[in-house]
Amino acid sequence: MRKAHDSTIDLITPTYDAGSVDSTVSVSLTNGNRIFQAKQDYAVGRSPVSVFSIDVNQDSKIDLITANADDNSVSVLQGNGDGTFRAKQDHAIGTPPKWISYTDVNQDSKMDLITVNPVGTSVSVLLGNGNGTFQAKQDYVVGTRVWTVLSIDVNQDSKVDLITANRGDNSVSVLLGNGNGAFQAKHDYTVGTQPSSAFSIDVNLDSKVDLITANAVGNSISVLLGNGNGTFQAKQDYAVGTEPLSVFSVDINQDSKKDLI
């Protein structure tokens, strides 16, 4: 759910039908009274598995991006600012994408896309042109059955780095950024069983980025302390409840130390 045209919350849902050639996203606007208007459908690539809203062309209007599993693409629908969207523009990924992240990876003040491709054991980076279009993808190998991607500066060089959680080989992959939109080869670190997500935080207050993974099958979280140069120490596992999917940090007892939930 995200506002598509005003300050109220609207509903945006993908329609997933494996093998269908008529896949859509549905936009249902609301007047703020918790009652949604009739949906408007917009064609996207085949079998969208996720949809995200963001301003990709810097016109202060919400645009939509879908990850499409059956035709290995992402669809970009530029917004008109009134809750309606233009026809899709497709960008090839080459392998089924599951998830999309977005950030400015090459520091040109334009939004770039990163897709998570579990089957291809890769992430794809599509540099943005600033007008809602994107350049051809660049693929980077990561661990097996990659599930999520996190973008953050792990080595304090003011360049965006990538971290993936890989369920197939129980690892996280760290790809250091060069600052121009390209990334170095991965370095893998072992974590608990089938990590669903990775998060970054300074857990020991040494001003270095640390990593935490939520391990769905292992019923645990793994903490990897950072060395400050883009490398990490061996994991420390902590038991939690059944099938954790995410982890958050907050100081719940007001002792100025980070706690995990």
C-alpha atoms as a PDB file:
ATOM      1  CA  MET A   1       0.000   0.000   0.000  1.00  0.00           C
ATOM      2  CA  ARG A   2       1.297   3.424  -0.958  1.00  0.00           C
ATOM      3  CA  LYS A   3      -0.116   6.810  -1.890  1.00  0.00           C
ATOM      4  CA  ALA A   4      -0.333   6.986  -5.679  1.00  0.00           C
ATOM      5  CA  HIS A   5      -1.691  10.502  -6.071  1.00  0.00           C
ATOM      6  CA  ASP A   6      -2.371  12.316  -2.763  1.00  0.00           C
ATOM      7  CA  SER A   7      -1.776  12.042   0.985  1.00  0.00           C
ATOM      8  CA  THR A   8      -4.094   9.050   1.435  1.00  0.00           C
ATOM      9  CA  ILE A   9      -3.083   5.403   1.326  1.00  0.00           C
ATOM     10  CA  ASP A  10      -3.919   3.522  -1.873  1.00  0.00           C
ATOM     11  CA  LEU A  11      -3.740  -0.206  -2.603  1.00  0.00           C
ATOM     12  CA  ILE A  12      -1.441  -1.618  -5.293  1.00  0.00           C
ATOM     13  CA  THR A  13      -1.393  -5.375  -5.921  1.00  0.00           C
ATOM     14  CA  PRO A  14       0.257  -7.587  -8.560  1.00  0.00           C
ATOM     15  CA  THR A  15      -1.707 -10.389 -10.199  1.00  0.00           C
ATOM     16  CA  TYR A  16       0.447 -13.514 -10.275  1.00  0.00           C
ATOM     17  CA  ASP A  17      -0.679 -16.283 -12.612  1.00  0.00           C
ATOM     18  CA  ALA A  18       2.169 -18.563 -13.664  1.00  0.00           C
ATOM     19  CA  GLY A  19       2.262 -18.828 -17.423  1.00  0.00           C
ATOM     20  CA  SER A  20      -0.352 -16.138 -18.019  1.00  0.00           C
ATOM     21  CA  VAL A  21       0.231 -13.712 -20.876  1.00  0.00           C
ATOM     22  CA  ASP A  22      -2.164 -11.125 -19.413  1.00  0.00           C
ATOM     23  CA  SER A  23      -0.519 -10.166 -16.126  1.00  0.00           C
ATOM     24  CA  THR A  24      -1.434  -6.877 -14.447  1.00  0.00           C
ATOM     25  CA  VAL A  25      -1.012  -4.687 -11.415  1.00  0.00           C
ATOM     26  CA  SER A  26      -4.205  -3.336  -9.888  1.00  0.00           C
ATOM     27  CA  VAL A  27      -4.430   0.157  -8.389  1.00  0.00           C
ATOM     28  CA  SER A  28      -7.319   0.922  -6.015  1.00  0.00           C
ATOM     29  CA  LEU A  29      -7.508   4.552  -4.887  1.00  0.00           C
ATOM     30  CA  THR A  30      -9.060   5.669  -1.614  1.00  0.00           C
ATOM     31  CA  ASN A  31     -10.435   8.977  -0.392  1.00  0.00           C
ATOM     32  CA  GLY A  32      -8.988   8.415   3.053  1.00  0.00           C
ATOM     33  CA  ASN A  33     -12.153   6.883   4.485  1.00  0.00           C
ATOM     34  CA  ARG A  34     -10.858   3.299   4.317  1.00  0.00           C
ATOM     35  CA  ILE A  35     -13.108   2.598   1.342  1.00  0.00           C
ATOM     36  CA  PHE A  36     -11.324   1.758  -1.898  1.00  0.00           C
ATOM     37  CA  GLN A  37     -12.577   2.701  -5.334  1.00  0.00           C
ATOM     38  CA  ALA A  38     -12.895   0.173  -8.148  1.00  0.00           C
ATOM     39  CA  LYS A  39      -9.516  -1.070  -9.292  1.00  0.00           C
ATOM     40  CA  GLN A  40      -7.712   0.041 -12.418  1.00  0.00           C
ATOM     41  CA  ASP A  41      -5.584  -2.650 -14.073  1.00  0.00           C
ATOM     42  CA  TYR A  42      -2.307  -1.980 -15.858  1.00  0.00           C
ATOM     43  CA  ALA A  43      -0.506  -4.496 -18.048  1.00  0.00           C
ATOM     44  CA  VAL A  44       2.963  -5.568 -16.892  1.00  0.00           C
ATOM     45  CA  GLY A  45       5.322  -8.422 -17.703  1.00  0.00           C
ATOM     46  CA  ARG A  46       4.304 -12.039 -17.175  1.00  0.00           C
ATOM     47  CA  SER A  47       3.661 -13.229 -13.611  1.00  0.00           C
ATOM     48  CA  PRO A  48       4.726 -10.269 -11.437  1.00  0.00           C
ATOM     49  CA  VAL A  49       5.896 -11.511  -8.042  1.00  0.00           C
ATOM     50  CA  SER A  50       6.445  -8.116  -6.405  1.00  0.00           C
ATOM     51  CA  VAL A  51       5.621  -4.461  -7.001  1.00  0.00           C
ATOM     52  CA  PHE A  52       7.289  -1.315  -5.677  1.00  0.00           C
ATOM     53  CA  SER A  53       6.436   2.375  -5.796  1.00  0.00           C
ATOM     54  CA  ILE A  54       9.083   5.063  -6.196  1.00  0.00           C
ATOM     55  CA  ASP A  55       9.752   8.224  -8.178  1.00  0.00           C
ATOM     56  CA  VAL A  56      12.154   6.971 -10.860  1.00  0.00           C
ATOM     57  CA  ASN A  57      12.222  10.061 -13.077  1.00  0.00           C
ATOM     58  CA  GLN A  58      12.463  12.828 -10.478  1.00  0.00           C
ATOM     59  CA  ASP A  59       9.154  14.502 -11.321  1.00  0.00           C
ATOM     60  CA  SER A  60       7.726  14.137  -7.788  1.00  0.00           C
ATOM     61  CA  LYS A  61       5.147  11.617  -9.038  1.00  0.00           C
ATOM     62  CA  ILE A  62       4.880   8.013  -7.881  1.00  0.00           C
ATOM     63  CA  ASP A  63       5.910   5.381 -10.446  1.00  0.00           C
ATOM     64  CA  LEU A  64       5.497   1.588 -10.264  1.00  0.00           C
ATOM     65  CA  ILE A  65       8.047  -1.170 -10.851  1.00  0.00           C
ATOM     66  CA  THR A  66       7.250  -4.890 -11.012  1.00  0.00           C
ATOM     67  CA  ALA A  67       9.505  -7.950 -10.973  1.00  0.00           C
ATOM     68  CA  ASN A  68       8.163 -10.442 -13.533  1.00  0.00           C
ATOM     69  CA  ALA A  69       9.073 -14.101 -13.055  1.00  0.00           C
ATOM     70  CA  ASP A  70       7.885 -15.701 -16.296  1.00  0.00           C
ATOM     71  CA  ASP A  71       9.463 -13.381 -18.850  1.00  0.00           C
ATOM     72  CA  ASN A  72      12.579 -12.456 -16.841  1.00  0.00           C
ATOM     73  CA  SER A  73      11.936  -8.732 -16.817  1.00  0.00           C
ATOM     74  CA  VAL A  74      11.056  -5.681 -14.792  1.00  0.00           C
ATOM     75  CA  SER A  75       8.246  -3.370 -15.892  1.00  0.00           C
ATOM     76  CA  VAL A  76       8.347   0.372 -15.214  1.00  0.00           C
ATOM     77  CA  LEU A  77       5.065   2.319 -15.242  1.00  0.00           C
ATOM     78  CA  GLN A  78       5.574   6.058 -14.963  1.00  0.00           C
ATOM     79  CA  GLY A  79       2.949   7.885 -12.936  1.00  0.00           C
ATOM     80  CA  ASN A  80       0.863  10.819 -14.115  1.00  0.00           C
ATOM     81  CA  GLY A  81       0.475  12.186 -10.606  1.00  0.00           C
ATOM     82  CA  ASP A  82      -3.294  11.686 -10.490  1.00  0.00           C
ATOM     83  CA  GLY A  83      -3.331   8.000  -9.579  1.00  0.00           C
ATOM     84  CA  THR A  84      -3.065   6.783 -13.159  1.00  0.00           C
ATOM     85  CA  PHE A  85      -0.026   5.319 -14.886  1.00  0.00           C
ATOM     86  CA  ARG A  86       1.420   5.195 -18.388  1.00  0.00           C
ATOM     87  CA  ALA A  87       1.969   2.029 -20.401  1.00  0.00           C
ATOM     88  CA  LYS A  88       4.760  -0.214 -19.175  1.00  0.00           C
ATOM     89  CA  GLN A  89       8.362  -0.151 -20.322  1.00  0.00           C
ATOM     90  CA  ASP A  90      10.057  -3.542 -19.953  1.00  0.00           C
ATOM     91  CA  HIS A  91      13.706  -4.190 -19.163  1.00  0.00           C
ATOM     92  CA  ALA A  92      15.244  -7.641 -19.634  1.00  0.00           C
ATOM     93  CA  ILE A  93      16.853  -9.361 -16.656  1.00  0.00           C
ATOM     94  CA  GLY A  94      17.688 -12.723 -18.242  1.00  0.00           C
ATOM     95  CA  THR A  95      16.635 -14.864 -15.300  1.00  0.00           C
ATOM     96  CA  PRO A  96      13.487 -14.774 -13.123  1.00  0.00           C
ATOM     97  CA  PRO A  97      13.681 -11.845 -10.667  1.00  0.00           C
ATOM     98  CA  LYS A  98      12.100 -12.172  -7.229  1.00  0.00           C
ATOM     99  CA  TRP A  99      12.728  -8.830  -5.599  1.00  0.00           C
ATOM    100  CA  ILE A 100      13.720  -5.285  -6.518  1.00  0.00           C
ATOM    101  CA  SER A 101      15.796  -2.811  -4.563  1.00  0.00           C
ATOM    102  CA  TYR A 102      16.626   0.718  -5.572  1.00  0.00           C
ATOM    103  CA  THR A 103      19.368   3.169  -4.683  1.00  0.00           C
ATOM    104  CA  ASP A 104      21.862   5.481  -6.384  1.00  0.00           C
ATOM    105  CA  VAL A 105      24.809   3.119  -6.877  1.00  0.00           C
ATOM    106  CA  ASN A 106      26.966   5.406  -9.035  1.00  0.00           C
ATOM    107  CA  GLN A 107      26.420   8.683  -7.199  1.00  0.00           C
ATOM    108  CA  ASP A 108      24.896  10.582 -10.126  1.00  0.00           C
ATOM    109  CA  SER A 109      21.703  11.516  -8.236  1.00  0.00           C
ATOM    110  CA  LYS A 110      19.647   9.165 -10.442  1.00  0.00           C
ATOM    111  CA  MET A 111      17.756   6.149  -9.160  1.00  0.00           C
ATOM    112  CA  ASP A 112      19.191   2.748 -10.105  1.00  0.00           C
ATOM    113  CA  LEU A 113      17.582  -0.692  -9.812  1.00  0.00           C
ATOM    114  CA  ILE A 114      18.915  -3.925  -8.324  1.00  0.00           C
ATOM    115  CA  THR A 115      17.051  -7.182  -8.882  1.00  0.00           C
ATOM    116  CA  VAL A 116      17.425 -10.405  -6.910  1.00  0.00           C
ATOM    117  CA  ASN A 117      17.529 -13.455  -9.194  1.00  0.00           C
ATOM    118  CA  PRO A 118      17.344 -16.724  -7.183  1.00  0.00           C
ATOM    119  CA  VAL A 119      17.452 -19.089 -10.163  1.00  0.00           C
ATOM    120  CA  GLY A 120      20.336 -17.276 -11.803  1.00  0.00           C
ATOM    121  CA  THR A 121      22.305 -17.019  -8.549  1.00  0.00           C
ATOM    122  CA  SER A 122      22.865 -13.360  -9.311  1.00  0.00           C
ATOM    123  CA  VAL A 123      21.834  -9.783  -8.813  1.00  0.00           C
ATOM    124  CA  SER A 124      21.286  -7.474 -11.780  1.00  0.00           C
ATOM    125  CA  VAL A 125      22.136  -3.771 -11.644  1.00  0.00           C
ATOM    126  CA  LEU A 126      20.325  -1.408 -14.030  1.00  0.00           C
ATOM    127  CA  LEU A 127      21.706   2.129 -13.982  1.00  0.00           C
ATOM    128  CA  GLY A 128      19.073   4.825 -14.266  1.00  0.00           C
ATOM    129  CA  ASN A 129      19.090   7.578 -16.871  1.00  0.00           C
ATOM    130  CA  GLY A 130      17.057   9.908 -14.663  1.00  0.00           C
ATOM    131  CA  ASN A 131      14.073  10.032 -17.029  1.00  0.00           C
ATOM    132  CA  GLY A 132      12.426   6.762 -16.005  1.00  0.00           C
ATOM    133  CA  THR A 133      14.459   4.583 -18.364  1.00  0.00           C
ATOM    134  CA  PHE A 134      17.346   2.312 -17.459  1.00  0.00           C
ATOM    135  CA  GLN A 135      20.504   1.040 -19.097  1.00  0.00           C
ATOM    136  CA  ALA A 136      21.070  -2.627 -19.923  1.00  0.00           C
ATOM    137  CA  LYS A 137      21.618  -4.855 -16.918  1.00  0.00           C
ATOM    138  CA  GLN A 138      24.956  -5.844 -15.453  1.00  0.00           C
ATOM    139  CA  ASP A 139      24.915  -9.201 -13.658  1.00  0.00           C
ATOM    140  CA  TYR A 140      26.954 -10.115 -10.583  1.00  0.00           C
ATOM    141  CA  VAL A 141      27.322 -13.643  -9.229  1.00  0.00           C
ATOM    142  CA  VAL A 142      26.304 -14.140  -5.597  1.00  0.00           C
ATOM    143  CA  GLY A 143      25.538 -17.149  -3.414  1.00  0.00           C
ATOM    144  CA  THR A 144      23.052 -19.887  -4.258  1.00  0.00           C
ATOM    145  CA  ARG A 145      19.317 -19.096  -4.196  1.00  0.00           C
ATOM    146  CA  VAL A 146      19.773 -15.449  -3.319  1.00  0.00           C
ATOM    147  CA  TRP A 147      16.740 -14.129  -1.438  1.00  0.00           C
ATOM    148  CA  THR A 148      17.240 -10.444  -0.601  1.00  0.00           C
ATOM    149  CA  VAL A 149      19.739  -7.663  -1.240  1.00  0.00           C
ATOM    150  CA  LEU A 150      20.868  -4.830   1.006  1.00  0.00           C
ATOM    151  CA  SER A 151      22.703  -1.720  -0.205  1.00  0.00           C
ATOM    152  CA  ILE A 152      24.974   0.042   2.283  1.00  0.00           C
ATOM    153  CA  ASP A 153      28.521   1.369   2.631  1.00  0.00           C
ATOM    154  CA  VAL A 154      30.270  -1.382   4.617  1.00  0.00           C
ATOM    155  CA  ASN A 155      33.882  -0.172   4.279  1.00  0.00           C
ATOM    156  CA  GLN A 156      33.406   3.540   4.931  1.00  0.00           C
ATOM    157  CA  ASP A 157      34.599   4.738   1.509  1.00  0.00           C
ATOM    158  CA  SER A 158      31.349   6.589   0.687  1.00  0.00           C
ATOM    159  CA  LYS A 159      30.512   4.074  -2.071  1.00  0.00           C
ATOM    160  CA  VAL A 160      27.462   1.815  -2.175  1.00  0.00           C
ATOM    161  CA  ASP A 161      28.163  -1.871  -1.493  1.00  0.00           C
ATOM    162  CA  LEU A 162      25.787  -4.823  -1.852  1.00  0.00           C
ATOM    163  CA  ILE A 163      25.018  -7.626   0.587  1.00  0.00           C
ATOM    164  CA  THR A 164      22.831 -10.588  -0.336  1.00  0.00           C
ATOM    165  CA  ALA A 165      21.224 -13.251   1.847  1.00  0.00           C
ATOM    166  CA  ASN A 166      21.553 -16.634   0.130  1.00  0.00           C
ATOM    167  CA  ARG A 167      19.228 -19.432   1.224  1.00  0.00           C
ATOM    168  CA  GLY A 168      20.742 -22.147  -0.954  1.00  0.00           C
ATOM    169  CA  ASP A 169      24.201 -22.209   0.627  1.00  0.00           C
ATOM    170  CA  ASN A 170      23.534 -20.534   4.004  1.00  0.00           C
ATOM    171  CA  SER A 171      25.665 -17.503   3.311  1.00  0.00           C
ATOM    172  CA  VAL A 172      25.794 -13.788   2.769  1.00  0.00           C
ATOM    173  CA  SER A 173      27.685 -12.359  -0.192  1.00  0.00           C
ATOM    174  CA  VAL A 174      29.439  -8.996   0.103  1.00  0.00           C
ATOM    175  CA  LEU A 175      30.150  -7.085  -3.122  1.00  0.00           C
ATOM    176  CA  LEU A 176      32.173  -3.915  -2.632  1.00  0.00           C
ATOM    177  CA  GLY A 177      31.229  -1.025  -4.887  1.00  0.00           C
ATOM    178  CA  ASN A 178      33.630   0.915  -7.085  1.00  0.00           C
ATOM    179  CA  GLY A 179      31.487   4.042  -6.965  1.00  0.00           C
ATOM    180  CA  ASN A 180      30.788   4.069 -10.717  1.00  0.00           C
ATOM    181  CA  GLY A 181      27.953   1.545 -10.681  1.00  0.00           C
ATOM    182  CA  ALA A 182      30.211  -1.508 -10.922  1.00  0.00           C
ATOM    183  CA  PHE A 183      30.956  -3.981  -8.128  1.00  0.00           C
ATOM    184  CA  GLN A 184      33.850  -6.236  -7.212  1.00  0.00           C
ATOM    185  CA  ALA A 185      33.594 -10.027  -7.068  1.00  0.00           C
ATOM    186  CA  LYS A 186      31.695 -11.407  -4.095  1.00  0.00           C
ATOM    187  CA  HIS A 187      33.142 -12.527  -0.803  1.00  0.00           C
ATOM    188  CA  ASP A 188      30.969 -15.071   1.024  1.00  0.00           C
ATOM    189  CA  TYR A 189      30.429 -15.545   4.759  1.00  0.00           C
ATOM    190  CA  THR A 190      28.680 -18.499   6.388  1.00  0.00           C
ATOM    191  CA  VAL A 191      25.535 -17.757   8.404  1.00  0.00           C
ATOM    192  CA  GLY A 192      22.706 -19.860   9.861  1.00  0.00           C
ATOM    193  CA  THR A 193      20.365 -22.120   7.921  1.00  0.00           C
ATOM    194  CA  GLN A 194      18.466 -20.484   5.042  1.00  0.00           C
ATOM    195  CA  PRO A 195      18.784 -16.759   5.766  1.00  0.00           C
ATOM    196  CA  SER A 196      15.716 -14.811   4.657  1.00  0.00           C
ATOM    197  CA  SER A 197      17.171 -11.345   5.050  1.00  0.00           C
ATOM    198  CA  ALA A 198      20.243  -9.385   6.088  1.00  0.00           C
ATOM    199  CA  PHE A 199      20.392  -6.159   8.057  1.00  0.00           C
ATOM    200  CA  SER A 200      23.196  -3.780   8.972  1.00  0.00           C
ATOM    201  CA  ILE A 201      23.808  -2.042  12.260  1.00  0.00           C
ATOM    202  CA  ASP A 202      26.675  -1.182  14.579  1.00  0.00           C
ATOM    203  CA  VAL A 203      25.901  -3.639  17.378  1.00  0.00           C
ATOM    204  CA  ASN A 204      29.092  -3.144  19.397  1.00  0.00           C
ATOM    205  CA  LEU A 205      29.336   0.644  19.074  1.00  0.00           C
ATOM    206  CA  ASP A 206      32.756   0.666  17.400  1.00  0.00           C
ATOM    207  CA  SER A 207      31.587   2.785  14.439  1.00  0.00           C
ATOM    208  CA  LYS A 208      31.896  -0.188  12.063  1.00  0.00           C
ATOM    209  CA  VAL A 209      29.042  -1.793  10.138  1.00  0.00           C
ATOM    210  CA  ASP A 210      27.992  -5.213  11.440  1.00  0.00           C
ATOM    211  CA  LEU A 211      25.639  -7.707   9.776  1.00  0.00           C
ATOM    212  CA  ILE A 212      22.689  -9.644  11.165  1.00  0.00           C
ATOM    213  CA  THR A 213      20.764 -12.325   9.298  1.00  0.00           C
ATOM    214  CA  ALA A 214      17.384 -13.852  10.114  1.00  0.00           C
ATOM    215  CA  ASN A 215      17.678 -17.593   9.471  1.00  0.00           C
ATOM    216  CA  ALA A 216      14.220 -18.998   8.718  1.00  0.00           C
ATOM    217  CA  VAL A 217      14.967 -22.725   8.897  1.00  0.00           C
ATOM    218  CA  GLY A 218      17.657 -22.462  11.548  1.00  0.00           C
ATOM    219  CA  ASN A 219      15.339 -20.622  13.973  1.00  0.00           C
ATOM    220  CA  SER A 220      18.217 -18.301  14.716  1.00  0.00           C
ATOM    221  CA  ILE A 221      19.894 -15.028  13.923  1.00  0.00           C
ATOM    222  CA  SER A 222      23.554 -14.716  12.979  1.00  0.00           C
ATOM    223  CA  VAL A 223      25.660 -11.718  13.987  1.00  0.00           C
ATOM    224  CA  LEU A 224      28.814 -10.945  11.986  1.00  0.00           C
ATOM    225  CA  LEU A 225      30.960  -8.165  13.435  1.00  0.00           C
ATOM    226  CA  GLY A 226      32.501  -5.865  10.871  1.00  0.00           C
ATOM    227  CA  ASN A 227      36.190  -5.033  10.617  1.00  0.00           C
ATOM    228  CA  GLY A 228      35.508  -1.664   8.994  1.00  0.00           C
ATOM    229  CA  ASN A 229      37.223  -2.526   5.696  1.00  0.00           C
ATOM    230  CA  GLY A 230      34.410  -4.508   4.090  1.00  0.00           C
ATOM    231  CA  THR A 231      35.295  -7.823   5.726  1.00  0.00           C
ATOM    232  CA  PHE A 232      33.506  -9.522   8.606  1.00  0.00           C
ATOM    233  CA  GLN A 233      34.338 -11.864  11.460  1.00  0.00           C
ATOM    234  CA  ALA A 234      32.896 -15.369  11.803  1.00  0.00           C
ATOM    235  CA  LYS A 235      29.237 -15.558  12.771  1.00  0.00           C
ATOM    236  CA  GLN A 236      27.806 -15.852  16.244  1.00  0.00           C
ATOM    237  CA  ASP A 237      24.399 -17.550  16.288  1.00  0.00           C
ATOM    238  CA  TYR A 238      21.560 -16.810  18.698  1.00  0.00           C
ATOM    239  CA  ALA A 239      18.423 -18.929  19.021  1.00  0.00           C
ATOM    240  CA  VAL A 240      15.083 -17.201  18.397  1.00  0.00           C
ATOM    241  CA  GLY A 241      11.517 -18.293  17.662  1.00  0.00           C
ATOM    242  CA  THR A 242      10.312 -20.373  14.736  1.00  0.00           C
ATOM    243  CA  GLU A 243      11.047 -19.220  11.183  1.00  0.00           C
ATOM    244  CA  PRO A 244      12.353 -15.669  11.706  1.00  0.00           C
ATOM    245  CA  LEU A 245      12.019 -13.588   8.540  1.00  0.00           C
ATOM    246  CA  SER A 246      13.414 -10.267   9.719  1.00  0.00           C
ATOM    247  CA  VAL A 247      15.261  -8.655  12.601  1.00  0.00           C
ATOM    248  CA  PHE A 248      15.258  -5.111  13.950  1.00  0.00           C
ATOM    249  CA  SER A 249      17.393  -3.266  16.463  1.00  0.00           C
ATOM    250  CA  VAL A 250      16.185  -0.913  19.162  1.00  0.00           C
ATOM    251  CA  ASP A 251      17.252   0.037  22.663  1.00  0.00           C
ATOM    252  CA  ILE A 252      14.312  -1.447  24.544  1.00  0.00           C
ATOM    253  CA  ASN A 253      15.723  -1.082  28.079  1.00  0.00           C
ATOM    254  CA  GLN A 254      17.258   2.384  27.678  1.00  0.00           C
ATOM    255  CA  ASP A 255      20.806   1.351  28.511  1.00  0.00           C
ATOM    256  CA  SER A 256      22.275   2.900  25.326  1.00  0.00           C
ATOM    257  CA  LYS A 257      22.977  -0.580  23.928  1.00  0.00           C
ATOM    258  CA  LYS A 258      21.400  -2.089  20.829  1.00  0.00           C
ATOM    259  CA  ASP A 259      18.872  -4.859  21.430  1.00  0.00           C
ATOM    260  CA  LEU A 260      17.414  -7.143  18.749  1.00  0.00           C
ATOM    261  CA  ILE A 261      13.813  -8.063  18.007  1.00  0.00           C
END
